[in-house]
Amino acid sequence: QVQLVESGGGLVQPGGSLRLSCAASQSIFTIAVMGWYRQAPGKQRELVAKITASDTTYIPDSVKGRFTISRDNAKNTFYLQMNSLKPEGTAVYYCNAAGYSPTWYDVWGQGTQVTVSS
């Protein structure tokens, strides 16, 4: 089972970019699925990107072409690169990891606030 620590949130202008980081307490090679989610006030939690241990990725249409998920195995960290940010991207962003070590786990980071505003 891993523990996750997020960083990189903040205030950015519309059209700007931001990179969120999620540091894991063990090698991310052991994680089956890594993902980023966001939740805005009054809305349900929404998947914005995920990647598997075999490097299969999924980006929903709402952010496709603007958001990218990646990882650095040497740093035990995965990232969400957000470009061309829109005001509706304002939300708390959470990283998630699921896998087996040795039993199934599904853990979340603490969340980081992203505010897209002029």
PDB file of N, CA and C in Angstrom:
ATOM      1  N   GLN A   1       0.844  -1.178   0.000  1.00  0.00           N
ATOM      2  CA  GLN A   1       0.000   0.000   0.000  1.00  0.00           C
ATOM      3  C   GLN A   1       0.892   1.244   0.000  1.00  0.00           C
ATOM      4  N   VAL A   2       0.542   2.205  -0.825  1.00  0.00           N
ATOM      5  CA  VAL A   2       1.332   3.422  -0.947  1.00  0.00           C
ATOM      6  C   VAL A   2       0.634   4.584  -0.246  1.00  0.00           C
ATOM      7  N   GLN A   3       1.430   5.612   0.046  1.00  0.00           N
ATOM      8  CA  GLN A   3       0.917   6.887   0.514  1.00  0.00           C
ATOM      9  C   GLN A   3       1.268   7.939  -0.523  1.00  0.00           C
ATOM     10  N   LEU A   4       0.385   8.912  -0.710  1.00  0.00           N
ATOM     11  CA  LEU A   4       0.539   9.905  -1.755  1.00  0.00           C
ATOM     12  C   LEU A   4       0.540  11.311  -1.168  1.00  0.00           C
ATOM     13  N   VAL A   5       1.426  12.152  -1.682  1.00  0.00           N
ATOM     14  CA  VAL A   5       1.512  13.546  -1.273  1.00  0.00           C
ATOM     15  C   VAL A   5       1.493  14.414  -2.518  1.00  0.00           C
ATOM     16  N   GLU A   6       0.529  15.329  -2.591  1.00  0.00           N
ATOM     17  CA  GLU A   6       0.362  16.187  -3.752  1.00  0.00           C
ATOM     18  C   GLU A   6       0.996  17.547  -3.525  1.00  0.00           C
ATOM     19  N   SER A   7       1.366  18.183  -4.632  1.00  0.00           N
ATOM     20  CA  SER A   7       1.861  19.543  -4.596  1.00  0.00           C
ATOM     21  C   SER A   7       1.670  20.176  -5.966  1.00  0.00           C
ATOM     22  N   GLY A   8       1.798  21.489  -6.032  1.00  0.00           N
ATOM     23  CA  GLY A   8       1.776  22.194  -7.300  1.00  0.00           C
ATOM     24  C   GLY A   8       0.546  23.018  -7.587  1.00  0.00           C
ATOM     25  N   GLY A   9      -0.459  22.960  -6.733  1.00  0.00           N
ATOM     26  CA  GLY A   9      -1.654  23.755  -6.950  1.00  0.00           C
ATOM     27  C   GLY A   9      -1.398  25.230  -6.725  1.00  0.00           C
ATOM     28  N   GLY A  10      -2.357  26.042  -7.152  1.00  0.00           N
ATOM     29  CA  GLY A  10      -2.229  27.476  -6.981  1.00  0.00           C
ATOM     30  C   GLY A  10      -3.155  28.234  -7.898  1.00  0.00           C
ATOM     31  N   LEU A  11      -2.886  29.519  -8.033  1.00  0.00           N
ATOM     32  CA  LEU A  11      -3.674  30.414  -8.868  1.00  0.00           C
ATOM     33  C   LEU A  11      -2.998  30.586 -10.216  1.00  0.00           C
ATOM     34  N   VAL A  12      -3.778  30.449 -11.277  1.00  0.00           N
ATOM     35  CA  VAL A  12      -3.261  30.618 -12.627  1.00  0.00           C
ATOM     36  C   VAL A  12      -4.311  31.327 -13.469  1.00  0.00           C
ATOM     37  N   GLN A  13      -3.867  32.129 -14.426  1.00  0.00           N
ATOM     38  CA  GLN A  13      -4.790  32.830 -15.305  1.00  0.00           C
ATOM     39  C   GLN A  13      -5.339  31.909 -16.382  1.00  0.00           C
ATOM     40  N   PRO A  14      -6.540  32.196 -16.893  1.00  0.00           N
ATOM     41  CA  PRO A  14      -7.054  31.413 -18.012  1.00  0.00           C
ATOM     42  C   PRO A  14      -6.055  31.379 -19.163  1.00  0.00           C
ATOM     43  N   GLY A  15      -5.894  30.201 -19.752  1.00  0.00           N
ATOM     44  CA  GLY A  15      -4.916  30.006 -20.804  1.00  0.00           C
ATOM     45  C   GLY A  15      -3.537  29.629 -20.314  1.00  0.00           C
ATOM     46  N   GLY A  16      -3.325  29.714 -19.023  1.00  0.00           N
ATOM     47  CA  GLY A  16      -2.040  29.381 -18.444  1.00  0.00           C
ATOM     48  C   GLY A  16      -1.854  27.896 -18.225  1.00  0.00           C
ATOM     49  N   SER A  17      -0.705  27.550 -17.665  1.00  0.00           N
ATOM     50  CA  SER A  17      -0.337  26.156 -17.445  1.00  0.00           C
ATOM     51  C   SER A  17       0.077  25.926 -16.004  1.00  0.00           C
ATOM     52  N   LEU A  18      -0.071  24.687 -15.571  1.00  0.00           N
ATOM     53  CA  LEU A  18       0.297  24.299 -14.221  1.00  0.00           C
ATOM     54  C   LEU A  18       0.639  22.814 -14.237  1.00  0.00           C
ATOM     55  N   ARG A  19       1.627  22.411 -13.448  1.00  0.00           N
ATOM     56  CA  ARG A  19       1.960  21.003 -13.310  1.00  0.00           C
ATOM     57  C   ARG A  19       1.777  20.568 -11.865  1.00  0.00           C
ATOM     58  N   LEU A  20       0.941  19.568 -11.661  1.00  0.00           N
ATOM     59  CA  LEU A  20       0.730  18.981 -10.354  1.00  0.00           C
ATOM     60  C   LEU A  20       1.602  17.745 -10.192  1.00  0.00           C
ATOM     61  N   SER A  21       2.112  17.541  -8.986  1.00  0.00           N
ATOM     62  CA  SER A  21       2.956  16.397  -8.689  1.00  0.00           C
ATOM     63  C   SER A  21       2.318  15.534  -7.615  1.00  0.00           C
ATOM     64  N   CYS A  22       2.521  14.238  -7.719  1.00  0.00           N
ATOM     65  CA  CYS A  22       2.043  13.283  -6.723  1.00  0.00           C
ATOM     66  C   CYS A  22       3.187  12.357  -6.379  1.00  0.00           C
ATOM     67  N   ALA A  23       3.753  12.521  -5.190  1.00  0.00           N
ATOM     68  CA  ALA A  23       4.882  11.714  -4.745  1.00  0.00           C
ATOM     69  C   ALA A  23       4.377  10.502  -3.976  1.00  0.00           C
ATOM     70  N   ALA A  24       4.843   9.325  -4.364  1.00  0.00           N
ATOM     71  CA  ALA A  24       4.440   8.075  -3.738  1.00  0.00           C
ATOM     72  C   ALA A  24       5.508   7.591  -2.767  1.00  0.00           C
ATOM     73  N   SER A  25       5.076   6.844  -1.752  1.00  0.00           N
ATOM     74  CA  SER A  25       5.973   6.373  -0.706  1.00  0.00           C
ATOM     75  C   SER A  25       6.762   5.135  -1.103  1.00  0.00           C
ATOM     76  N   GLN A  26       6.490   4.569  -2.251  1.00  0.00           N
ATOM     77  CA  GLN A  26       7.222   3.433  -2.758  1.00  0.00           C
ATOM     78  C   GLN A  26       7.292   3.518  -4.265  1.00  0.00           C
ATOM     79  N   SER A  27       8.016   2.605  -4.884  1.00  0.00           N
ATOM     80  CA  SER A  27       8.163   2.622  -6.331  1.00  0.00           C
ATOM     81  C   SER A  27       6.812   2.600  -7.019  1.00  0.00           C
ATOM     82  N   ILE A  28       6.600   3.544  -7.943  1.00  0.00           N
ATOM     83  CA  ILE A  28       5.334   3.582  -8.653  1.00  0.00           C
ATOM     84  C   ILE A  28       5.215   2.452  -9.665  1.00  0.00           C
ATOM     85  N   PHE A  29       6.288   1.706  -9.861  1.00  0.00           N
ATOM     86  CA  PHE A  29       6.222   0.526 -10.715  1.00  0.00           C
ATOM     87  C   PHE A  29       5.247  -0.503 -10.151  1.00  0.00           C
ATOM     88  N   THR A  30       5.050  -0.498  -8.823  1.00  0.00           N
ATOM     89  CA  THR A  30       4.148  -1.451  -8.190  1.00  0.00           C
ATOM     90  C   THR A  30       2.685  -1.031  -8.280  1.00  0.00           C
ATOM     91  N   ILE A  31       2.404   0.166  -8.738  1.00  0.00           N
ATOM     92  CA  ILE A  31       1.041   0.674  -8.801  1.00  0.00           C
ATOM     93  C   ILE A  31       0.404   0.269 -10.119  1.00  0.00           C
ATOM     94  N   ALA A  32      -0.755  -0.357 -10.052  1.00  0.00           N
ATOM     95  CA  ALA A  32      -1.419  -0.825 -11.261  1.00  0.00           C
ATOM     96  C   ALA A  32      -2.006   0.323 -12.071  1.00  0.00           C
ATOM     97  N   VAL A  33      -2.652   1.267 -11.382  1.00  0.00           N
ATOM     98  CA  VAL A  33      -3.310   2.388 -12.042  1.00  0.00           C
ATOM     99  C   VAL A  33      -3.045   3.653 -11.242  1.00  0.00           C
ATOM    100  N   MET A  34      -2.661   4.710 -11.925  1.00  0.00           N
ATOM    101  CA  MET A  34      -2.473   6.023 -11.327  1.00  0.00           C
ATOM    102  C   MET A  34      -3.406   7.002 -12.020  1.00  0.00           C
ATOM    103  N   GLY A  35      -4.012   7.876 -11.251  1.00  0.00           N
ATOM    104  CA  GLY A  35      -4.961   8.787 -11.854  1.00  0.00           C
ATOM    105  C   GLY A  35      -5.039  10.124 -11.154  1.00  0.00           C
ATOM    106  N   TRP A  36      -5.592  11.078 -11.870  1.00  0.00           N
ATOM    107  CA  TRP A  36      -5.902  12.397 -11.343  1.00  0.00           C
ATOM    108  C   TRP A  36      -7.391  12.657 -11.472  1.00  0.00           C
ATOM    109  N   TYR A  37      -7.969  13.210 -10.411  1.00  0.00           N
ATOM    110  CA  TYR A  37      -9.377  13.561 -10.366  1.00  0.00           C
ATOM    111  C   TYR A  37      -9.516  14.997  -9.890  1.00  0.00           C
ATOM    112  N   ARG A  38     -10.652  15.602 -10.177  1.00  0.00           N
ATOM    113  CA  ARG A  38     -10.930  16.927  -9.650  1.00  0.00           C
ATOM    114  C   ARG A  38     -12.371  17.004  -9.178  1.00  0.00           C
ATOM    115  N   GLN A  39     -12.598  17.878  -8.221  1.00  0.00           N
ATOM    116  CA  GLN A  39     -13.936  18.091  -7.699  1.00  0.00           C
ATOM    117  C   GLN A  39     -14.138  19.579  -7.449  1.00  0.00           C
ATOM    118  N   ALA A  40     -15.095  20.145  -8.164  1.00  0.00           N
ATOM    119  CA  ALA A  40     -15.473  21.532  -7.987  1.00  0.00           C
ATOM    120  C   ALA A  40     -16.658  21.619  -7.037  1.00  0.00           C
ATOM    121  N   PRO A  41     -16.855  22.756  -6.379  1.00  0.00           N
ATOM    122  CA  PRO A  41     -18.001  22.903  -5.479  1.00  0.00           C
ATOM    123  C   PRO A  41     -19.313  22.604  -6.184  1.00  0.00           C
ATOM    124  N   GLY A  42     -20.137  21.765  -5.564  1.00  0.00           N
ATOM    125  CA  GLY A  42     -21.427  21.414  -6.123  1.00  0.00           C
ATOM    126  C   GLY A  42     -21.394  20.394  -7.234  1.00  0.00           C
ATOM    127  N   LYS A  43     -20.223  19.852  -7.547  1.00  0.00           N
ATOM    128  CA  LYS A  43     -20.091  18.873  -8.615  1.00  0.00           C
ATOM    129  C   LYS A  43     -19.519  17.567  -8.094  1.00  0.00           C
ATOM    130  N   GLN A  44     -19.743  16.502  -8.862  1.00  0.00           N
ATOM    131  CA  GLN A  44     -19.177  15.203  -8.535  1.00  0.00           C
ATOM    132  C   GLN A  44     -17.687  15.168  -8.868  1.00  0.00           C
ATOM    133  N   ARG A  45     -16.980  14.265  -8.211  1.00  0.00           N
ATOM    134  CA  ARG A  45     -15.582  14.036  -8.542  1.00  0.00           C
ATOM    135  C   ARG A  45     -15.475  13.540  -9.977  1.00  0.00           C
ATOM    136  N   GLU A  46     -14.518  14.073 -10.708  1.00  0.00           N
ATOM    137  CA  GLU A  46     -14.392  13.832 -12.135  1.00  0.00           C
ATOM    138  C   GLU A  46     -12.979  13.351 -12.466  1.00  0.00           C
ATOM    139  N   LEU A  47     -12.884  12.270 -13.204  1.00  0.00           N
ATOM    140  CA  LEU A  47     -11.593  11.789 -13.691  1.00  0.00           C
ATOM    141  C   LEU A  47     -11.079  12.720 -14.780  1.00  0.00           C
ATOM    142  N   VAL A  48      -9.809  13.110 -14.680  1.00  0.00           N
ATOM    143  CA  VAL A  48      -9.205  13.937 -15.719  1.00  0.00           C
ATOM    144  C   VAL A  48      -8.042  13.250 -16.432  1.00  0.00           C
ATOM    145  N   ALA A  49      -7.491  12.194 -15.854  1.00  0.00           N
ATOM    146  CA  ALA A  49      -6.408  11.459 -16.513  1.00  0.00           C
ATOM    147  C   ALA A  49      -6.088  10.201 -15.728  1.00  0.00           C
ATOM    148  N   LYS A  50      -5.719   9.136 -16.419  1.00  0.00           N
ATOM    149  CA  LYS A  50      -5.213   7.947 -15.746  1.00  0.00           C
ATOM    150  C   LYS A  50      -4.202   7.241 -16.620  1.00  0.00           C
ATOM    151  N   ILE A  51      -3.330   6.477 -15.971  1.00  0.00           N
ATOM    152  CA  ILE A  51      -2.297   5.721 -16.665  1.00  0.00           C
ATOM    153  C   ILE A  51      -2.080   4.413 -15.924  1.00  0.00           C
ATOM    154  N   THR A  52      -1.863   3.327 -16.661  1.00  0.00           N
ATOM    155  CA  THR A  52      -1.620   2.029 -16.060  1.00  0.00           C
ATOM    156  C   THR A  52      -0.130   1.744 -16.003  1.00  0.00           C
ATOM    157  N   ALA A  53       0.226   0.669 -15.303  1.00  0.00           N
ATOM    158  CA  ALA A  53       1.620   0.270 -15.210  1.00  0.00           C
ATOM    159  C   ALA A  53       2.199  -0.098 -16.568  1.00  0.00           C
ATOM    160  N   SER A  54       1.345  -0.481 -17.501  1.00  0.00           N
ATOM    161  CA  SER A  54       1.782  -0.807 -18.852  1.00  0.00           C
ATOM    162  C   SER A  54       1.727   0.391 -19.793  1.00  0.00           C
ATOM    163  N   ASP A  55       1.500   1.580 -19.242  1.00  0.00           N
ATOM    164  CA  ASP A  55       1.524   2.849 -19.965  1.00  0.00           C
ATOM    165  C   ASP A  55       0.311   3.084 -20.851  1.00  0.00           C
ATOM    166  N   THR A  56      -0.769   2.370 -20.598  1.00  0.00           N
ATOM    167  CA  THR A  56      -2.025   2.699 -21.244  1.00  0.00           C
ATOM    168  C   THR A  56      -2.620   3.927 -20.570  1.00  0.00           C
ATOM    169  N   THR A  57      -3.005   4.916 -21.351  1.00  0.00           N
ATOM    170  CA  THR A  57      -3.538   6.165 -20.804  1.00  0.00           C
ATOM    171  C   THR A  57      -4.962   6.403 -21.253  1.00  0.00           C
ATOM    172  N   TYR A  58      -5.671   7.180 -20.463  1.00  0.00           N
ATOM    173  CA  TYR A  58      -7.009   7.622 -20.820  1.00  0.00           C
ATOM    174  C   TYR A  58      -7.154   9.077 -20.408  1.00  0.00           C
ATOM    175  N   ILE A  59      -7.563   9.900 -21.347  1.00  0.00           N
ATOM    176  CA  ILE A  59      -7.841  11.309 -21.101  1.00  0.00           C
ATOM    177  C   ILE A  59      -9.255  11.578 -21.588  1.00  0.00           C
ATOM    178  N   PRO A  60     -10.152  12.034 -20.731  1.00  0.00           N
ATOM    179  CA  PRO A  60     -11.527  12.296 -21.179  1.00  0.00           C
ATOM    180  C   PRO A  60     -11.595  13.487 -22.128  1.00  0.00           C
ATOM    181  N   ASP A  61     -12.668  13.524 -22.905  1.00  0.00           N
ATOM    182  CA  ASP A  61     -12.830  14.567 -23.910  1.00  0.00           C
ATOM    183  C   ASP A  61     -12.824  15.969 -23.314  1.00  0.00           C
ATOM    184  N   SER A  62     -13.270  16.097 -22.071  1.00  0.00           N
ATOM    185  CA  SER A  62     -13.360  17.407 -21.457  1.00  0.00           C
ATOM    186  C   SER A  62     -12.011  18.112 -21.344  1.00  0.00           C
ATOM    187  N   VAL A  63     -10.924  17.330 -21.254  1.00  0.00           N
ATOM    188  CA  VAL A  63      -9.604  17.923 -21.108  1.00  0.00           C
ATOM    189  C   VAL A  63      -8.605  17.409 -22.139  1.00  0.00           C
ATOM    190  N   LYS A  64      -9.042  16.555 -23.041  1.00  0.00           N
ATOM    191  CA  LYS A  64      -8.141  15.984 -24.045  1.00  0.00           C
ATOM    192  C   LYS A  64      -7.510  17.089 -24.882  1.00  0.00           C
ATOM    193  N   GLY A  65      -6.214  16.930 -25.121  1.00  0.00           N
ATOM    194  CA  GLY A  65      -5.466  17.925 -25.860  1.00  0.00           C
ATOM    195  C   GLY A  65      -4.882  19.011 -24.988  1.00  0.00           C
ATOM    196  N   ARG A  66      -5.327  19.095 -23.734  1.00  0.00           N
ATOM    197  CA  ARG A  66      -4.833  20.107 -22.810  1.00  0.00           C
ATOM    198  C   ARG A  66      -4.134  19.508 -21.593  1.00  0.00           C
ATOM    199  N   PHE A  67      -4.589  18.337 -21.141  1.00  0.00           N
ATOM    200  CA  PHE A  67      -4.016  17.687 -19.965  1.00  0.00           C
ATOM    201  C   PHE A  67      -3.225  16.461 -20.387  1.00  0.00           C
ATOM    202  N   THR A  68      -2.120  16.206 -19.686  1.00  0.00           N
ATOM    203  CA  THR A  68      -1.277  15.048 -19.936  1.00  0.00           C
ATOM    204  C   THR A  68      -0.833  14.447 -18.613  1.00  0.00           C
ATOM    205  N   ILE A  69      -0.880  13.130 -18.504  1.00  0.00           N
ATOM    206  CA  ILE A  69      -0.382  12.440 -17.326  1.00  0.00           C
ATOM    207  C   ILE A  69       0.956  11.791 -17.670  1.00  0.00           C
ATOM    208  N   SER A  70       1.885  11.837 -16.728  1.00  0.00           N
ATOM    209  CA  SER A  70       3.203  11.253 -16.935  1.00  0.00           C
ATOM    210  C   SER A  70       3.773  10.810 -15.593  1.00  0.00           C
ATOM    211  N   ARG A  71       4.905  10.130 -15.642  1.00  0.00           N
ATOM    212  CA  ARG A  71       5.527   9.672 -14.406  1.00  0.00           C
ATOM    213  C   ARG A  71       7.034   9.667 -14.531  1.00  0.00           C
ATOM    214  N   ASP A  72       7.695   9.723 -13.382  1.00  0.00           N
ATOM    215  CA  ASP A  72       9.140   9.614 -13.278  1.00  0.00           C
ATOM    216  C   ASP A  72       9.410   8.516 -12.259  1.00  0.00           C
ATOM    217  N   ASN A  73       9.723   7.335 -12.741  1.00  0.00           N
ATOM    218  CA  ASN A  73       9.896   6.189 -11.848  1.00  0.00           C
ATOM    219  C   ASN A  73      11.052   6.391 -10.865  1.00  0.00           C
ATOM    220  N   ALA A  74      12.109   7.066 -11.299  1.00  0.00           N
ATOM    221  CA  ALA A  74      13.260   7.288 -10.432  1.00  0.00           C
ATOM    222  C   ALA A  74      12.912   8.159  -9.236  1.00  0.00           C
ATOM    223  N   LYS A  75      11.936   9.044  -9.390  1.00  0.00           N
ATOM    224  CA  LYS A  75      11.518   9.937  -8.321  1.00  0.00           C
ATOM    225  C   LYS A  75      10.260   9.457  -7.602  1.00  0.00           C
ATOM    226  N   ASN A  76       9.728   8.312  -7.993  1.00  0.00           N
ATOM    227  CA  ASN A  76       8.493   7.773  -7.410  1.00  0.00           C
ATOM    228  C   ASN A  76       7.368   8.805  -7.458  1.00  0.00           C
ATOM    229  N   THR A  77       7.257   9.477  -8.581  1.00  0.00           N
ATOM    230  CA  THR A  77       6.332  10.594  -8.711  1.00  0.00           C
ATOM    231  C   THR A  77       5.606  10.524 -10.050  1.00  0.00           C
ATOM    232  N   PHE A  78       4.321  10.870 -10.033  1.00  0.00           N
ATOM    233  CA  PHE A  78       3.629  11.072 -11.294  1.00  0.00           C
ATOM    234  C   PHE A  78       2.992  12.450 -11.318  1.00  0.00           C
ATOM    235  N   TYR A  79       2.694  12.916 -12.523  1.00  0.00           N
ATOM    236  CA  TYR A  79       2.378  14.311 -12.747  1.00  0.00           C
ATOM    237  C   TYR A  79       1.106  14.483 -13.564  1.00  0.00           C
ATOM    238  N   LEU A  80       0.512  15.647 -13.402  1.00  0.00           N
ATOM    239  CA  LEU A  80      -0.547  16.095 -14.294  1.00  0.00           C
ATOM    240  C   LEU A  80      -0.127  17.442 -14.863  1.00  0.00           C
ATOM    241  N   GLN A  81       0.173  17.473 -16.156  1.00  0.00           N
ATOM    242  CA  GLN A  81       0.484  18.715 -16.835  1.00  0.00           C
ATOM    243  C   GLN A  81      -0.797  19.289 -17.406  1.00  0.00           C
ATOM    244  N   MET A  82      -1.139  20.497 -17.005  1.00  0.00           N
ATOM    245  CA  MET A  82      -2.365  21.146 -17.428  1.00  0.00           C
ATOM    246  C   MET A  82      -2.011  22.387 -18.230  1.00  0.00           C
ATOM    247  N   ASN A  83      -2.415  22.406 -19.486  1.00  0.00           N
ATOM    248  CA  ASN A  83      -2.198  23.540 -20.363  1.00  0.00           C
ATOM    249  C   ASN A  83      -3.539  24.130 -20.782  1.00  0.00           C
ATOM    250  N   SER A  84      -3.508  25.359 -21.256  1.00  0.00           N
ATOM    251  CA  SER A  84      -4.715  26.048 -21.729  1.00  0.00           C
ATOM    252  C   SER A  84      -5.844  25.949 -20.712  1.00  0.00           C
ATOM    253  N   LEU A  85      -5.534  26.268 -19.477  1.00  0.00           N
ATOM    254  CA  LEU A  85      -6.503  26.136 -18.402  1.00  0.00           C
ATOM    255  C   LEU A  85      -7.684  27.081 -18.580  1.00  0.00           C
ATOM    256  N   LYS A  86      -8.855  26.593 -18.205  1.00  0.00           N
ATOM    257  CA  LYS A  86     -10.096  27.336 -18.297  1.00  0.00           C
ATOM    258  C   LYS A  86     -10.655  27.589 -16.900  1.00  0.00           C
ATOM    259  N   PRO A  87     -11.487  28.625 -16.754  1.00  0.00           N
ATOM    260  CA  PRO A  87     -12.070  28.893 -15.431  1.00  0.00           C
ATOM    261  C   PRO A  87     -12.817  27.688 -14.854  1.00  0.00           C
ATOM    262  N   GLU A  88     -13.463  26.891 -15.699  1.00  0.00           N
ATOM    263  CA  GLU A  88     -14.169  25.714 -15.207  1.00  0.00           C
ATOM    264  C   GLU A  88     -13.233  24.627 -14.701  1.00  0.00           C
ATOM    265  N   GLY A  89     -11.936  24.809 -14.886  1.00  0.00           N
ATOM    266  CA  GLY A  89     -10.963  23.908 -14.306  1.00  0.00           C
ATOM    267  C   GLY A  89     -10.687  24.168 -12.837  1.00  0.00           C
ATOM    268  N   THR A  90     -11.272  25.210 -12.281  1.00  0.00           N
ATOM    269  CA  THR A  90     -11.113  25.502 -10.863  1.00  0.00           C
ATOM    270  C   THR A  90     -11.725  24.379 -10.033  1.00  0.00           C
ATOM    271  N   ALA A  91     -10.918  23.761  -9.192  1.00  0.00           N
ATOM    272  CA  ALA A  91     -11.364  22.611  -8.413  1.00  0.00           C
ATOM    273  C   ALA A  91     -10.250  22.193  -7.466  1.00  0.00           C
ATOM    274  N   VAL A  92     -10.586  21.282  -6.572  1.00  0.00           N
ATOM    275  CA  VAL A  92      -9.574  20.572  -5.811  1.00  0.00           C
ATOM    276  C   VAL A  92      -9.177  19.344  -6.625  1.00  0.00           C
ATOM    277  N   TYR A  93      -7.895  19.181  -6.853  1.00  0.00           N
ATOM    278  CA  TYR A  93      -7.377  18.079  -7.644  1.00  0.00           C
ATOM    279  C   TYR A  93      -6.757  17.036  -6.723  1.00  0.00           C
ATOM    280  N   TYR A  94      -7.089  15.767  -6.967  1.00  0.00           N
ATOM    281  CA  TYR A  94      -6.627  14.656  -6.156  1.00  0.00           C
ATOM    282  C   TYR A  94      -5.888  13.643  -7.019  1.00  0.00           C
ATOM    283  N   CYS A  95      -4.792  13.103  -6.507  1.00  0.00           N
ATOM    284  CA  CYS A  95      -4.175  11.966  -7.170  1.00  0.00           C
ATOM    285  C   CYS A  95      -4.624  10.677  -6.493  1.00  0.00           C
ATOM    286  N   ASN A  96      -4.588   9.603  -7.255  1.00  0.00           N
ATOM    287  CA  ASN A  96      -5.090   8.308  -6.808  1.00  0.00           C
ATOM    288  C   ASN A  96      -4.170   7.207  -7.308  1.00  0.00           C
ATOM    289  N   ALA A  97      -4.004   6.178  -6.490  1.00  0.00           N
ATOM    290  CA  ALA A  97      -3.224   5.015  -6.880  1.00  0.00           C
ATOM    291  C   ALA A  97      -3.933   3.759  -6.418  1.00  0.00           C
ATOM    292  N   ALA A  98      -3.968   2.753  -7.275  1.00  0.00           N
ATOM    293  CA  ALA A  98      -4.577   1.478  -6.948  1.00  0.00           C
ATOM    294  C   ALA A  98      -3.671   0.360  -7.424  1.00  0.00           C
ATOM    295  N   GLY A  99      -3.613  -0.711  -6.635  1.00  0.00           N
ATOM    296  CA  GLY A  99      -2.770  -1.835  -7.000  1.00  0.00           C
ATOM    297  C   GLY A  99      -2.828  -2.932  -5.968  1.00  0.00           C
ATOM    298  N   TYR A 100      -1.824  -3.806  -6.021  1.00  0.00           N
ATOM    299  CA  TYR A 100      -1.745  -4.943  -5.116  1.00  0.00           C
ATOM    300  C   TYR A 100      -0.377  -4.947  -4.439  1.00  0.00           C
ATOM    301  N   SER A 101      -0.370  -4.972  -3.093  1.00  0.00           N
ATOM    302  CA  SER A 101       0.882  -4.947  -2.352  1.00  0.00           C
ATOM    303  C   SER A 101       0.724  -5.428  -0.921  1.00  0.00           C
ATOM    304  N   PRO A 102       0.475  -6.723  -0.678  1.00  0.00           N
ATOM    305  CA  PRO A 102       0.129  -7.781  -1.629  1.00  0.00           C
ATOM    306  C   PRO A 102      -1.363  -7.871  -1.893  1.00  0.00           C
ATOM    307  N   THR A 103      -2.173  -7.199  -1.057  1.00  0.00           N
ATOM    308  CA  THR A 103      -3.617  -7.170  -1.281  1.00  0.00           C
ATOM    309  C   THR A 103      -3.983  -5.880  -2.008  1.00  0.00           C
ATOM    310  N   TRP A 104      -5.190  -5.825  -2.532  1.00  0.00           N
ATOM    311  CA  TRP A 104      -5.624  -4.674  -3.309  1.00  0.00           C
ATOM    312  C   TRP A 104      -5.730  -3.428  -2.431  1.00  0.00           C
ATOM    313  N   TYR A 105      -5.295  -2.308  -2.958  1.00  0.00           N
ATOM    314  CA  TYR A 105      -5.429  -1.041  -2.273  1.00  0.00           C
ATOM    315  C   TYR A 105      -5.913   0.035  -3.238  1.00  0.00           C
ATOM    316  N   ASP A 106      -6.470   1.098  -2.677  1.00  0.00           N
ATOM    317  CA  ASP A 106      -6.965   2.236  -3.447  1.00  0.00           C
ATOM    318  C   ASP A 106      -6.816   3.447  -2.533  1.00  0.00           C
ATOM    319  N   VAL A 107      -5.800   4.263  -2.787  1.00  0.00           N
ATOM    320  CA  VAL A 107      -5.468   5.371  -1.896  1.00  0.00           C
ATOM    321  C   VAL A 107      -5.518   6.697  -2.631  1.00  0.00           C
ATOM    322  N   TRP A 108      -5.687   7.755  -1.862  1.00  0.00           N
ATOM    323  CA  TRP A 108      -5.829   9.109  -2.391  1.00  0.00           C
ATOM    324  C   TRP A 108      -4.856  10.061  -1.724  1.00  0.00           C
ATOM    325  N   GLY A 109      -4.427  11.066  -2.472  1.00  0.00           N
ATOM    326  CA  GLY A 109      -3.703  12.173  -1.892  1.00  0.00           C
ATOM    327  C   GLY A 109      -4.649  13.101  -1.157  1.00  0.00           C
ATOM    328  N   GLN A 110      -4.080  14.118  -0.524  1.00  0.00           N
ATOM    329  CA  GLN A 110      -4.878  15.028   0.305  1.00  0.00           C
ATOM    330  C   GLN A 110      -5.618  16.080  -0.506  1.00  0.00           C
ATOM    331  N   GLY A 111      -5.261  16.246  -1.748  1.00  0.00           N
ATOM    332  CA  GLY A 111      -5.876  17.239  -2.608  1.00  0.00           C
ATOM    333  C   GLY A 111      -5.094  18.541  -2.637  1.00  0.00           C
ATOM    334  N   THR A 112      -5.148  19.217  -3.778  1.00  0.00           N
ATOM    335  CA  THR A 112      -4.504  20.511  -3.926  1.00  0.00           C
ATOM    336  C   THR A 112      -5.428  21.425  -4.730  1.00  0.00           C
ATOM    337  N   GLN A 113      -5.584  22.656  -4.259  1.00  0.00           N
ATOM    338  CA  GLN A 113      -6.508  23.592  -4.883  1.00  0.00           C
ATOM    339  C   GLN A 113      -5.893  24.213  -6.125  1.00  0.00           C
ATOM    340  N   VAL A 114      -6.647  24.198  -7.210  1.00  0.00           N
ATOM    341  CA  VAL A 114      -6.286  24.901  -8.437  1.00  0.00           C
ATOM    342  C   VAL A 114      -7.373  25.925  -8.718  1.00  0.00           C
ATOM    343  N   THR A 115      -6.978  27.170  -8.866  1.00  0.00           N
ATOM    344  CA  THR A 115      -7.913  28.245  -9.163  1.00  0.00           C
ATOM    345  C   THR A 115      -7.500  28.905 -10.470  1.00  0.00           C
ATOM    346  N   VAL A 116      -8.404  28.906 -11.438  1.00  0.00           N
ATOM    347  CA  VAL A 116      -8.153  29.498 -12.751  1.00  0.00           C
ATOM    348  C   VAL A 116      -9.000  30.764 -12.838  1.00  0.00           C
ATOM    349  N   SER A 117      -8.355  31.903 -12.766  1.00  0.00           N
ATOM    350  CA  SER A 117      -9.083  33.164 -12.700  1.00  0.00           C
ATOM    351  C   SER A 117      -8.178  34.310 -13.102  1.00  0.00           C
ATOM    352  N   SER A 118      -8.795  35.351 -13.683  1.00  0.00           N
ATOM    353  CA  SER A 118      -8.082  36.581 -13.971  1.00  0.00           C
ATOM    354  C   SER A 118      -7.998  37.474 -12.745  1.00  0.00           C
TER     355      SER A 118
END
